[in-house]
Amino acid sequence: MSTGFAIYILLILFEKSVTDFRKNIEKNFGLFNKVLFVKINISVGFCAHIYRQEESYGCG
C-alpha cells in the first residue's frame, strides 16, 4: 500500500468523523441556541424594564 493511498483513506475517515461530529454539535447547539436566545430576550426585556423605572441608570 502506498503512502498516498493510506493518507487518502485517513482523510476519508477523518472527514466522516468530522461530519458526524458537526451534526451532533448542530443538533445539540440548536437546543442550546434556543435556550440562549430566550435568556437573552429575558435579560434585554429586564434591562429595558429597569431603564424605564430608573432613567438615571440602566444596562450599559
Protein backbone atom coordinates (compact mmCIF):
# COMPACT_ATOMS: atom_id res chain seq x y z
CA MET A 1 0.00 0.00 0.00
CA SER A 2 1.45 3.36 -0.97
CA THR A 3 1.72 6.25 1.47
CA GLY A 4 -0.55 8.41 -0.67
CA PHE A 5 -3.32 5.80 -0.58
CA ALA A 6 -3.01 5.45 3.21
CA ILE A 7 -3.27 9.23 3.62
CA TYR A 8 -6.30 9.28 1.31
CA ILE A 9 -8.06 6.62 3.46
CA LEU A 10 -7.20 8.55 6.63
CA LEU A 11 -8.63 11.74 5.12
CA ILE A 12 -11.88 9.96 4.21
CA LEU A 13 -12.21 8.56 7.75
CA PHE A 14 -11.33 11.93 9.27
CA GLU A 15 -13.86 13.74 7.08
CA LYS A 16 -16.60 11.28 8.07
CA SER A 17 -15.87 11.69 11.77
CA VAL A 18 -15.78 15.49 11.43
CA THR A 19 -19.13 15.43 9.59
CA ASP A 20 -20.70 13.22 12.29
CA PHE A 21 -19.20 15.44 14.97
CA ARG A 22 -20.59 18.56 13.27
CA LYS A 23 -24.06 17.00 13.00
CA ASN A 24 -24.03 16.24 16.74
CA ILE A 25 -22.85 19.77 17.52
CA GLU A 26 -25.56 21.28 15.30
CA LYS A 27 -28.24 19.09 16.89
CA ASN A 28 -27.13 19.98 20.42
CA PHE A 29 -26.38 23.60 19.56
CA GLY A 30 -29.86 24.02 18.09
CA LEU A 31 -31.34 23.32 21.51
CA PHE A 32 -28.64 25.36 23.27
CA ASN A 33 -29.23 28.23 20.85
CA LYS A 34 -32.96 28.36 21.65
CA VAL A 35 -32.27 28.43 25.40
CA LEU A 36 -29.62 31.12 24.93
CA PHE A 37 -31.97 33.20 22.76
CA VAL A 38 -34.71 33.02 25.42
CA LYS A 39 -32.21 34.04 28.13
CA ILE A 40 -31.01 36.99 26.02
CA ASN A 41 -34.62 38.07 25.37
CA ILE A 42 -35.46 37.90 29.08
CA SER A 43 -32.35 39.86 30.10
CA VAL A 44 -32.92 42.53 27.42
CA GLY A 45 -36.54 42.88 28.49
CA PHE A 46 -35.45 43.13 32.13
CA CYS A 47 -32.85 45.79 31.28
CA ALA A 48 -35.46 47.82 29.40
CA HIS A 49 -37.83 47.49 32.38
CA ILE A 50 -35.16 48.71 34.83
CA TYR A 51 -34.18 51.52 32.47
CA ARG A 52 -37.77 52.76 32.24
CA GLN A 53 -38.14 52.74 36.02
CA GLU A 54 -34.82 54.44 36.70
CA GLU A 55 -33.98 56.85 33.92
CA SER A 56 -30.62 57.62 35.54
CA TYR A 57 -29.23 54.09 35.09
CA GLY A 58 -29.98 51.01 33.08
CA CYS A 59 -28.00 48.35 31.31
CA GLY A 60 -24.97 49.78 29.60
